[in-house]
Amino acid sequence: MDALTVAAQFAAYTWFEECHGGKPASQDQAMKFARENWVAFLGNAQEGLGRLLIRLGRLSRPKADRKRRHTVG
């Protein structure tokens, strides 16, 4: 995925979360808004932020989280 697109989608998502008319927005609503309106946020998006978000999304979970996940049950 393009880093600039990711940054613009993140900007759209956070804007929607913060400016949703004072009402709490659901995560699904914010994600849908970001997917549909990210182009409007391209002027404020920074490619470096998008690269960072992509890198963070690729990180594996810490070993402690993996152990807990396997030992539950």
Protein backbone atom coordinates (compact mmCIF):
# COMPACT_ATOMS: atom_id res chain seq x y z
CA MET A 1 0.00 0.00 0.00
CA ASP A 2 1.17 3.50 -0.79
CA ALA A 3 2.53 5.40 2.22
CA LEU A 4 0.86 8.66 1.20
CA THR A 5 -2.50 6.90 0.92
CA VAL A 6 -2.07 5.36 4.38
CA ALA A 7 -1.22 8.76 5.87
CA ALA A 8 -4.23 10.38 4.18
CA GLN A 9 -6.54 7.62 5.41
CA PHE A 10 -5.16 8.01 8.92
CA ALA A 11 -5.76 11.77 8.75
CA ALA A 12 -9.34 11.20 7.56
CA TYR A 13 -9.93 8.61 10.29
CA THR A 14 -8.63 10.82 13.09
CA TRP A 15 -10.48 13.88 11.77
CA PHE A 16 -13.73 11.93 11.73
CA GLU A 17 -13.12 10.65 15.26
CA GLU A 18 -12.46 14.17 16.56
CA CYS A 19 -15.10 16.12 14.61
CA HIS A 20 -18.13 13.86 14.51
CA GLY A 21 -20.53 16.47 15.82
CA GLY A 22 -19.81 15.77 19.49
CA LYS A 23 -21.25 12.26 19.23
CA PRO A 24 -19.05 9.23 19.72
CA ALA A 25 -18.37 7.60 16.38
CA SER A 26 -18.01 3.88 15.95
CA GLN A 27 -14.76 2.51 14.59
CA ASP A 28 -16.63 1.10 11.59
CA GLN A 29 -18.05 4.53 10.74
CA ALA A 30 -14.62 6.15 11.01
CA MET A 31 -13.00 3.46 8.88
CA LYS A 32 -15.68 3.77 6.20
CA PHE A 33 -15.27 7.55 6.16
CA ALA A 34 -11.49 7.21 5.83
CA ARG A 35 -11.75 4.72 2.94
CA GLU A 36 -14.24 6.91 1.08
CA ASN A 37 -12.76 10.37 1.74
CA TRP A 38 -8.98 9.98 2.03
CA VAL A 39 -8.34 11.92 -1.18
CA ALA A 40 -9.57 15.11 0.47
CA PHE A 41 -6.82 14.70 3.11
CA LEU A 42 -3.90 14.21 0.70
CA GLY A 43 -2.80 17.83 1.08
CA ASN A 44 -2.21 17.26 4.79
CA ALA A 45 -0.72 13.78 4.54
CA GLN A 46 2.98 13.15 5.05
CA GLU A 47 4.62 10.18 3.38
CA GLY A 48 6.94 9.62 6.34
CA LEU A 49 3.97 9.13 8.67
CA GLY A 50 2.48 6.64 6.22
CA ARG A 51 5.74 4.67 6.12
CA LEU A 52 5.82 4.63 9.93
CA LEU A 53 2.22 3.41 10.14
CA ILE A 54 2.92 0.65 7.61
CA ARG A 55 6.01 -0.40 9.55
CA LEU A 56 4.07 -0.47 12.82
CA GLY A 57 1.36 -2.56 11.20
CA ARG A 58 3.93 -5.16 10.19
CA LEU A 59 5.45 -5.57 13.65
CA SER A 60 4.81 -8.87 15.33
CA ARG A 61 3.27 -9.01 18.78
CA PRO A 62 5.54 -9.32 21.80
CA LYS A 63 6.27 -12.87 22.95
CA ALA A 64 4.25 -12.36 26.14
CA ASP A 65 1.11 -11.71 24.07
CA ARG A 66 1.70 -14.81 21.97
CA LYS A 67 2.14 -16.99 25.08
CA ARG A 68 -1.06 -15.71 26.64
CA ARG A 69 -2.94 -16.34 23.46
CA HIS A 70 -1.80 -19.98 23.29
CA THR A 71 -2.25 -20.85 26.97
CA VAL A 72 -5.82 -19.59 27.28
CA GLY A 73 -8.43 -22.31 27.28
